[in-house]
């Protein structure tokens, strides 16, 4: 879970906001806490613009190309499924196809300066990355007699490139999933069995956790990231990086 202040600088297409991208495995939710904006998405039904205002919630599943557009003071809580995978390269930015086709070029374009760099330098790099992703995002559309529409060929090519980029990480992701998602599912099953037997030890051992936080420049804006309990997986910002 992260608190996200969406970028308010304007991209080359005249819209303020974040970097278009997709997730290969993780489902994502926006819970809007302040301001106004739009979520621009490309899914199985084509392009859609969903209004974002305080109190709104929107879910989107793996493979949905999404872009947060800031119309004024947009702040959201971002909840990601599959703990650890978004930080392990699950996100793929919509860079131009020539960049997506070359893993080395993609990694260079997606990387940001480390925490030792000045905040202004990190922000400038994040916005350059955003602008490159917007350039590739615009390649997903074609002009028709009925206006601009999503090109099925370009979208299929993006999915193919994304799958190739994340393929080397799948074995490591299986380990992350086993240590997080699978572990929690097993704990839930064990609790149900214990309750069925009338064993209440797990309830008596309950605790409150205040998560640690860290600030980062993500794909969509400035993040205050909150680590879930028992999260022992280090952040890896290539090739996908954080939100």
C-alpha atoms as a PDB file:
ATOM      1  CA  UNK A   1       0.000   0.000   0.000  1.00  0.00           C
ATOM      2  CA  UNK A   2       1.259   3.467  -0.882  1.00  0.00           C
ATOM      3  CA  UNK A   3       0.096   7.047  -0.480  1.00  0.00           C
ATOM      4  CA  UNK A   4       0.484   8.648  -3.903  1.00  0.00           C
ATOM      5  CA  UNK A   5       0.562  12.325  -4.830  1.00  0.00           C
ATOM      6  CA  UNK A   6       0.162  12.233  -8.604  1.00  0.00           C
ATOM      7  CA  UNK A   7       2.615  14.317 -10.634  1.00  0.00           C
ATOM      8  CA  UNK A   8       1.145  17.697 -11.603  1.00  0.00           C
ATOM      9  CA  UNK A   9       3.636  18.547 -14.336  1.00  0.00           C
ATOM     10  CA  UNK A  10       2.493  18.390 -17.965  1.00  0.00           C
ATOM     11  CA  UNK A  11       3.633  15.622 -20.311  1.00  0.00           C
ATOM     12  CA  UNK A  12       4.353  16.243 -24.017  1.00  0.00           C
ATOM     13  CA  UNK A  13       0.721  15.466 -24.957  1.00  0.00           C
ATOM     14  CA  UNK A  14      -0.568  18.273 -22.728  1.00  0.00           C
ATOM     15  CA  UNK A  15      -1.854  16.099 -19.864  1.00  0.00           C
ATOM     16  CA  UNK A  16      -0.496  16.310 -16.322  1.00  0.00           C
ATOM     17  CA  UNK A  17       0.047  13.097 -14.436  1.00  0.00           C
ATOM     18  CA  UNK A  18       1.918   9.837 -14.296  1.00  0.00           C
ATOM     19  CA  UNK A  19       3.592   7.301 -16.551  1.00  0.00           C
ATOM     20  CA  UNK A  20       1.437   4.885 -18.552  1.00  0.00           C
ATOM     21  CA  UNK A  21       2.298   1.274 -17.739  1.00  0.00           C
ATOM     22  CA  UNK A  22       0.864  -2.183 -17.104  1.00  0.00           C
ATOM     23  CA  UNK A  23       1.404  -4.882 -14.495  1.00  0.00           C
ATOM     24  CA  UNK A  24       2.168  -8.434 -15.558  1.00  0.00           C
ATOM     25  CA  UNK A  25       0.848 -10.179 -12.433  1.00  0.00           C
ATOM     26  CA  UNK A  26      -0.477  -7.746  -9.830  1.00  0.00           C
ATOM     27  CA  UNK A  27      -3.988  -6.360  -9.512  1.00  0.00           C
ATOM     28  CA  UNK A  28      -4.133  -2.705  -8.416  1.00  0.00           C
ATOM     29  CA  UNK A  29      -6.694  -0.461  -6.736  1.00  0.00           C
ATOM     30  CA  UNK A  30      -6.916   3.320  -6.422  1.00  0.00           C
ATOM     31  CA  UNK A  31      -8.731   4.780  -3.423  1.00  0.00           C
ATOM     32  CA  UNK A  32      -8.973   8.516  -4.109  1.00  0.00           C
ATOM     33  CA  UNK A  33      -8.427  10.658  -1.020  1.00  0.00           C
ATOM     34  CA  UNK A  34      -8.222  14.197  -2.445  1.00  0.00           C
ATOM     35  CA  UNK A  35      -8.363  16.278  -5.600  1.00  0.00           C
ATOM     36  CA  UNK A  36      -9.649  15.369  -9.018  1.00  0.00           C
ATOM     37  CA  UNK A  37      -8.384  13.485 -12.014  1.00  0.00           C
ATOM     38  CA  UNK A  38      -8.986  10.661 -14.443  1.00  0.00           C
ATOM     39  CA  UNK A  39      -7.705   7.141 -14.839  1.00  0.00           C
ATOM     40  CA  UNK A  40      -6.994   6.481 -18.514  1.00  0.00           C
ATOM     41  CA  UNK A  41      -6.965   2.763 -19.275  1.00  0.00           C
ATOM     42  CA  UNK A  42      -6.691   0.372 -22.187  1.00  0.00           C
ATOM     43  CA  UNK A  43      -8.238  -3.024 -21.476  1.00  0.00           C
ATOM     44  CA  UNK A  44     -10.105  -5.774 -23.332  1.00  0.00           C
ATOM     45  CA  UNK A  45     -12.838  -3.228 -24.168  1.00  0.00           C
ATOM     46  CA  UNK A  46     -10.450  -0.564 -25.520  1.00  0.00           C
ATOM     47  CA  UNK A  47      -9.766   2.912 -24.158  1.00  0.00           C
ATOM     48  CA  UNK A  48     -11.669   4.242 -21.151  1.00  0.00           C
ATOM     49  CA  UNK A  49     -11.484   7.381 -19.016  1.00  0.00           C
ATOM     50  CA  UNK A  50     -12.712   6.877 -15.432  1.00  0.00           C
ATOM     51  CA  UNK A  51     -13.321   9.996 -13.298  1.00  0.00           C
ATOM     52  CA  UNK A  52     -11.345  10.165 -10.053  1.00  0.00           C
ATOM     53  CA  UNK A  53     -12.642  12.208  -7.120  1.00  0.00           C
ATOM     54  CA  UNK A  54     -12.391  11.919  -3.359  1.00  0.00           C
ATOM     55  CA  UNK A  55     -14.097   8.739  -2.187  1.00  0.00           C
ATOM     56  CA  UNK A  56     -13.898   6.932  -5.533  1.00  0.00           C
ATOM     57  CA  UNK A  57     -12.406   3.456  -5.846  1.00  0.00           C
ATOM     58  CA  UNK A  58     -11.341   1.699  -9.046  1.00  0.00           C
ATOM     59  CA  UNK A  59      -9.752  -1.728  -9.527  1.00  0.00           C
ATOM     60  CA  UNK A  60      -7.786  -2.870 -12.564  1.00  0.00           C
ATOM     61  CA  UNK A  61      -6.378  -6.291 -13.263  1.00  0.00           C
ATOM     62  CA  UNK A  62      -3.012  -7.426 -14.706  1.00  0.00           C
ATOM     63  CA  UNK A  63      -2.444  -6.354 -18.299  1.00  0.00           C
ATOM     64  CA  UNK A  64      -4.526  -3.165 -18.136  1.00  0.00           C
ATOM     65  CA  UNK A  65      -2.518  -0.227 -19.461  1.00  0.00           C
ATOM     66  CA  UNK A  66      -3.207   2.637 -17.066  1.00  0.00           C
ATOM     67  CA  UNK A  67      -2.283   6.270 -16.605  1.00  0.00           C
ATOM     68  CA  UNK A  68      -3.223   8.624 -13.773  1.00  0.00           C
ATOM     69  CA  UNK A  69      -4.164  12.098 -15.051  1.00  0.00           C
ATOM     70  CA  UNK A  70      -4.076  14.912 -12.493  1.00  0.00           C
ATOM     71  CA  UNK A  71      -6.758  17.586 -12.916  1.00  0.00           C
ATOM     72  CA  UNK A  72      -5.887  19.253  -9.611  1.00  0.00           C
ATOM     73  CA  UNK A  73      -4.452  18.049  -6.297  1.00  0.00           C
ATOM     74  CA  UNK A  74      -4.997  14.350  -7.046  1.00  0.00           C
ATOM     75  CA  UNK A  75      -3.992  12.077  -4.155  1.00  0.00           C
ATOM     76  CA  UNK A  76      -4.761   8.379  -3.884  1.00  0.00           C
ATOM     77  CA  UNK A  77      -4.024   5.336  -1.796  1.00  0.00           C
ATOM     78  CA  UNK A  78      -2.671   2.591  -4.024  1.00  0.00           C
ATOM     79  CA  UNK A  79      -3.220  -1.010  -2.949  1.00  0.00           C
ATOM     80  CA  UNK A  80      -1.319  -3.721  -4.838  1.00  0.00           C
ATOM     81  CA  UNK A  81      -1.960  -7.448  -4.716  1.00  0.00           C
ATOM     82  CA  UNK A  82       0.777 -10.086  -4.824  1.00  0.00           C
ATOM     83  CA  UNK A  83       3.055  -8.593  -2.177  1.00  0.00           C
ATOM     84  CA  UNK A  84       6.536  -7.867  -3.444  1.00  0.00           C
ATOM     85  CA  UNK A  85       5.966  -8.387  -7.155  1.00  0.00           C
ATOM     86  CA  UNK A  86       5.233  -4.754  -8.107  1.00  0.00           C
ATOM     87  CA  UNK A  87       8.595  -3.866  -6.563  1.00  0.00           C
ATOM     88  CA  UNK A  88      10.333  -6.720  -8.389  1.00  0.00           C
ATOM     89  CA  UNK A  89       9.804  -5.555 -11.951  1.00  0.00           C
ATOM     90  CA  UNK A  90       6.136  -6.500 -12.387  1.00  0.00           C
ATOM     91  CA  UNK A  91       5.385  -3.085 -13.904  1.00  0.00           C
ATOM     92  CA  UNK A  92       6.281  -2.470 -17.556  1.00  0.00           C
ATOM     93  CA  UNK A  93       6.280   1.083 -18.882  1.00  0.00           C
ATOM     94  CA  UNK A  94       4.838   1.845 -22.310  1.00  0.00           C
ATOM     95  CA  UNK A  95       8.102   3.056 -23.827  1.00  0.00           C
ATOM     96  CA  UNK A  96       8.370   3.236 -27.642  1.00  0.00           C
ATOM     97  CA  UNK A  97       8.599  -0.201 -29.208  1.00  0.00           C
ATOM     98  CA  UNK A  98      12.280   0.171 -30.113  1.00  0.00           C
ATOM     99  CA  UNK A  99      13.062   0.563 -26.398  1.00  0.00           C
ATOM    100  CA  UNK A 100      10.753  -2.256 -25.288  1.00  0.00           C
ATOM    101  CA  UNK A 101      12.409  -4.595 -27.781  1.00  0.00           C
ATOM    102  CA  UNK A 102      15.861  -4.148 -26.178  1.00  0.00           C
ATOM    103  CA  UNK A 103      16.087  -5.220 -22.495  1.00  0.00           C
ATOM    104  CA  UNK A 104      19.266  -3.215 -21.984  1.00  0.00           C
ATOM    105  CA  UNK A 105      17.757  -0.015 -23.370  1.00  0.00           C
ATOM    106  CA  UNK A 106      14.590  -0.617 -21.392  1.00  0.00           C
ATOM    107  CA  UNK A 107      16.482  -1.041 -18.110  1.00  0.00           C
ATOM    108  CA  UNK A 108      18.462   2.140 -18.742  1.00  0.00           C
ATOM    109  CA  UNK A 109      15.334   4.125 -19.581  1.00  0.00           C
ATOM    110  CA  UNK A 110      13.399   2.806 -16.555  1.00  0.00           C
ATOM    111  CA  UNK A 111      16.126   3.302 -13.955  1.00  0.00           C
ATOM    112  CA  UNK A 112      16.177   6.307 -11.624  1.00  0.00           C
ATOM    113  CA  UNK A 113      19.105   7.766  -9.665  1.00  0.00           C
ATOM    114  CA  UNK A 114      19.617   6.210  -6.243  1.00  0.00           C
ATOM    115  CA  UNK A 115      18.621   7.800  -2.926  1.00  0.00           C
ATOM    116  CA  UNK A 116      22.024   9.459  -2.688  1.00  0.00           C
ATOM    117  CA  UNK A 117      21.039  11.782  -5.568  1.00  0.00           C
ATOM    118  CA  UNK A 118      19.391  15.135  -4.897  1.00  0.00           C
ATOM    119  CA  UNK A 119      15.573  15.083  -4.874  1.00  0.00           C
ATOM    120  CA  UNK A 120      15.495  17.498  -7.805  1.00  0.00           C
ATOM    121  CA  UNK A 121      17.688  15.152  -9.853  1.00  0.00           C
ATOM    122  CA  UNK A 122      15.505  12.154  -9.027  1.00  0.00           C
ATOM    123  CA  UNK A 123      12.317  14.049  -9.883  1.00  0.00           C
ATOM    124  CA  UNK A 124      13.757  15.254 -13.196  1.00  0.00           C
ATOM    125  CA  UNK A 125      14.704  11.679 -14.118  1.00  0.00           C
ATOM    126  CA  UNK A 126      11.230  10.405 -13.145  1.00  0.00           C
ATOM    127  CA  UNK A 127       9.593  12.989 -15.389  1.00  0.00           C
ATOM    128  CA  UNK A 128      11.906  12.138 -18.305  1.00  0.00           C
ATOM    129  CA  UNK A 129      10.886   8.519 -17.851  1.00  0.00           C
ATOM    130  CA  UNK A 130       7.233   9.567 -17.757  1.00  0.00           C
ATOM    131  CA  UNK A 131       7.570  11.559 -20.963  1.00  0.00           C
ATOM    132  CA  UNK A 132       9.198   8.625 -22.777  1.00  0.00           C
ATOM    133  CA  UNK A 133       6.391   6.325 -21.596  1.00  0.00           C
ATOM    134  CA  UNK A 134       3.814   8.829 -22.886  1.00  0.00           C
ATOM    135  CA  UNK A 135       5.569   8.861 -26.280  1.00  0.00           C
ATOM    136  CA  UNK A 136       5.239   5.068 -26.491  1.00  0.00           C
ATOM    137  CA  UNK A 137       1.669   5.185 -25.165  1.00  0.00           C
ATOM    138  CA  UNK A 138       0.663   7.449 -28.041  1.00  0.00           C
ATOM    139  CA  UNK A 139       1.965   4.787 -30.447  1.00  0.00           C
ATOM    140  CA  UNK A 140      -0.836   2.498 -29.220  1.00  0.00           C
ATOM    141  CA  UNK A 141      -3.452   4.667 -30.978  1.00  0.00           C
ATOM    142  CA  UNK A 142      -4.271   5.170 -34.650  1.00  0.00           C
ATOM    143  CA  UNK A 143      -6.416   7.733 -36.443  1.00  0.00           C
ATOM    144  CA  UNK A 144      -9.603   6.474 -38.056  1.00  0.00           C
ATOM    145  CA  UNK A 145     -12.673   8.059 -39.621  1.00  0.00           C
ATOM    146  CA  UNK A 146     -14.278   7.847 -36.178  1.00  0.00           C
ATOM    147  CA  UNK A 147     -11.358   9.422 -34.302  1.00  0.00           C
ATOM    148  CA  UNK A 148      -8.357   7.980 -32.504  1.00  0.00           C
ATOM    149  CA  UNK A 149      -8.746   4.363 -31.397  1.00  0.00           C
ATOM    150  CA  UNK A 150      -6.505   1.721 -29.895  1.00  0.00           C
ATOM    151  CA  UNK A 151      -4.525  -0.275 -32.453  1.00  0.00           C
ATOM    152  CA  UNK A 152      -4.997  -4.018 -31.747  1.00  0.00           C
ATOM    153  CA  UNK A 153      -1.667  -4.748 -33.412  1.00  0.00           C
ATOM    154  CA  UNK A 154       0.230  -2.195 -31.312  1.00  0.00           C
ATOM    155  CA  UNK A 155      -1.437  -3.431 -28.122  1.00  0.00           C
ATOM    156  CA  UNK A 156      -0.609  -7.049 -28.922  1.00  0.00           C
ATOM    157  CA  UNK A 157       2.994  -6.044 -29.616  1.00  0.00           C
ATOM    158  CA  UNK A 158       3.195  -4.252 -26.245  1.00  0.00           C
ATOM    159  CA  UNK A 159       1.947  -7.357 -24.436  1.00  0.00           C
ATOM    160  CA  UNK A 160       4.490  -9.506 -26.260  1.00  0.00           C
ATOM    161  CA  UNK A 161       7.317  -7.134 -25.343  1.00  0.00           C
ATOM    162  CA  UNK A 162       6.158  -6.961 -21.712  1.00  0.00           C
ATOM    163  CA  UNK A 163       6.041 -10.741 -21.391  1.00  0.00           C
ATOM    164  CA  UNK A 164       9.573 -11.024 -22.798  1.00  0.00           C
ATOM    165  CA  UNK A 165      10.894  -8.375 -20.412  1.00  0.00           C
ATOM    166  CA  UNK A 166       9.512 -10.045 -17.286  1.00  0.00           C
ATOM    167  CA  UNK A 167      10.212 -13.658 -18.306  1.00  0.00           C
ATOM    168  CA  UNK A 168      13.682 -13.806 -16.657  1.00  0.00           C
ATOM    169  CA  UNK A 169      12.085 -12.851 -13.317  1.00  0.00           C
ATOM    170  CA  UNK A 170       9.358 -15.470 -13.116  1.00  0.00           C
ATOM    171  CA  UNK A 171      11.335 -18.026 -11.080  1.00  0.00           C
ATOM    172  CA  UNK A 172      12.228 -15.340  -8.527  1.00  0.00           C
ATOM    173  CA  UNK A 173       8.592 -14.208  -8.450  1.00  0.00           C
ATOM    174  CA  UNK A 174       7.502 -17.739  -7.606  1.00  0.00           C
ATOM    175  CA  UNK A 175       9.695 -17.529  -4.508  1.00  0.00           C
ATOM    176  CA  UNK A 176       8.214 -14.152  -3.578  1.00  0.00           C
ATOM    177  CA  UNK A 177       4.698 -15.509  -4.024  1.00  0.00           C
ATOM    178  CA  UNK A 178       5.486 -18.574  -1.914  1.00  0.00           C
ATOM    179  CA  UNK A 179       6.830 -16.392   0.898  1.00  0.00           C
ATOM    180  CA  UNK A 180       3.943 -13.908   0.843  1.00  0.00           C
ATOM    181  CA  UNK A 181       0.695 -14.691  -0.980  1.00  0.00           C
ATOM    182  CA  UNK A 182       0.917 -18.479  -0.587  1.00  0.00           C
ATOM    183  CA  UNK A 183       2.031 -18.157   3.030  1.00  0.00           C
ATOM    184  CA  UNK A 184      -0.909 -15.945   3.946  1.00  0.00           C
ATOM    185  CA  UNK A 185      -3.334 -18.300   2.192  1.00  0.00           C
ATOM    186  CA  UNK A 186      -1.898 -21.210   4.197  1.00  0.00           C
ATOM    187  CA  UNK A 187      -2.162 -19.199   7.422  1.00  0.00           C
ATOM    188  CA  UNK A 188      -5.810 -18.448   6.662  1.00  0.00           C
ATOM    189  CA  UNK A 189      -6.547 -22.155   6.142  1.00  0.00           C
ATOM    190  CA  UNK A 190      -4.770 -22.987   9.391  1.00  0.00           C
ATOM    191  CA  UNK A 191      -6.795 -20.379  11.299  1.00  0.00           C
ATOM    192  CA  UNK A 192     -10.051 -21.765   9.937  1.00  0.00           C
ATOM    193  CA  UNK A 193      -9.037 -25.267  11.010  1.00  0.00           C
ATOM    194  CA  UNK A 194      -8.062 -24.026  14.475  1.00  0.00           C
ATOM    195  CA  UNK A 195     -11.364 -22.171  14.912  1.00  0.00           C
ATOM    196  CA  UNK A 196     -13.269 -25.264  13.821  1.00  0.00           C
ATOM    197  CA  UNK A 197     -11.473 -27.179  16.595  1.00  0.00           C
ATOM    198  CA  UNK A 198     -12.237 -24.436  19.118  1.00  0.00           C
ATOM    199  CA  UNK A 199      -8.577 -23.438  19.480  1.00  0.00           C
ATOM    200  CA  UNK A 200      -8.274 -19.683  20.190  1.00  0.00           C
ATOM    201  CA  UNK A 201      -4.516 -19.281  20.705  1.00  0.00           C
ATOM    202  CA  UNK A 202      -4.105 -17.326  17.457  1.00  0.00           C
ATOM    203  CA  UNK A 203      -6.759 -14.817  18.548  1.00  0.00           C
ATOM    204  CA  UNK A 204      -5.068 -14.359  21.907  1.00  0.00           C
ATOM    205  CA  UNK A 205      -1.739 -13.630  20.196  1.00  0.00           C
ATOM    206  CA  UNK A 206      -3.110 -10.741  18.081  1.00  0.00           C
ATOM    207  CA  UNK A 207      -0.981  -7.608  17.596  1.00  0.00           C
ATOM    208  CA  UNK A 208      -1.238  -4.132  16.064  1.00  0.00           C
ATOM    209  CA  UNK A 209       1.401  -3.171  13.490  1.00  0.00           C
ATOM    210  CA  UNK A 210       2.324   0.345  12.354  1.00  0.00           C
ATOM    211  CA  UNK A 211       4.111  -0.104   8.997  1.00  0.00           C
ATOM    212  CA  UNK A 212       7.420   1.506   8.213  1.00  0.00           C
ATOM    213  CA  UNK A 213       7.330   4.091   5.434  1.00  0.00           C
ATOM    214  CA  UNK A 214       9.732   5.389   2.815  1.00  0.00           C
ATOM    215  CA  UNK A 215       9.454   8.129   0.190  1.00  0.00           C
ATOM    216  CA  UNK A 216      10.178   7.545  -3.475  1.00  0.00           C
ATOM    217  CA  UNK A 217       9.584   8.978  -6.927  1.00  0.00           C
ATOM    218  CA  UNK A 218       7.340   6.427  -8.590  1.00  0.00           C
ATOM    219  CA  UNK A 219       5.843   6.045 -12.025  1.00  0.00           C
ATOM    220  CA  UNK A 220       2.685   7.995 -11.215  1.00  0.00           C
ATOM    221  CA  UNK A 221       3.909  10.476  -8.615  1.00  0.00           C
ATOM    222  CA  UNK A 222       5.586  10.949  -5.248  1.00  0.00           C
ATOM    223  CA  UNK A 223       5.076   7.910  -3.036  1.00  0.00           C
ATOM    224  CA  UNK A 224       4.976   7.247   0.655  1.00  0.00           C
ATOM    225  CA  UNK A 225       5.341   3.478   0.582  1.00  0.00           C
ATOM    226  CA  UNK A 226       4.168   1.345   3.486  1.00  0.00           C
ATOM    227  CA  UNK A 227       5.689  -2.094   3.895  1.00  0.00           C
ATOM    228  CA  UNK A 228       3.234  -4.847   4.884  1.00  0.00           C
ATOM    229  CA  UNK A 229       3.930  -6.861   8.063  1.00  0.00           C
ATOM    230  CA  UNK A 230       6.688  -9.473   7.656  1.00  0.00           C
ATOM    231  CA  UNK A 231       7.762  -7.936   4.335  1.00  0.00           C
ATOM    232  CA  UNK A 232      11.399  -8.972   3.960  1.00  0.00           C
ATOM    233  CA  UNK A 233      11.798  -8.521   0.214  1.00  0.00           C
ATOM    234  CA  UNK A 234      14.133  -5.710  -0.899  1.00  0.00           C
ATOM    235  CA  UNK A 235      12.975  -3.209  -3.475  1.00  0.00           C
ATOM    236  CA  UNK A 236      14.331  -3.755  -6.991  1.00  0.00           C
ATOM    237  CA  UNK A 237      13.569  -0.955  -9.408  1.00  0.00           C
ATOM    238  CA  UNK A 238      14.620  -2.626 -12.686  1.00  0.00           C
ATOM    239  CA  UNK A 239      13.161  -3.169 -15.164  1.00  0.00           C
ATOM    240  CA  UNK A 240       9.705  -2.274 -13.883  1.00  0.00           C
ATOM    241  CA  UNK A 241      10.392  -0.250 -10.766  1.00  0.00           C
ATOM    242  CA  UNK A 242       7.967   1.147  -8.230  1.00  0.00           C
ATOM    243  CA  UNK A 243       4.793   3.038  -8.839  1.00  0.00           C
END
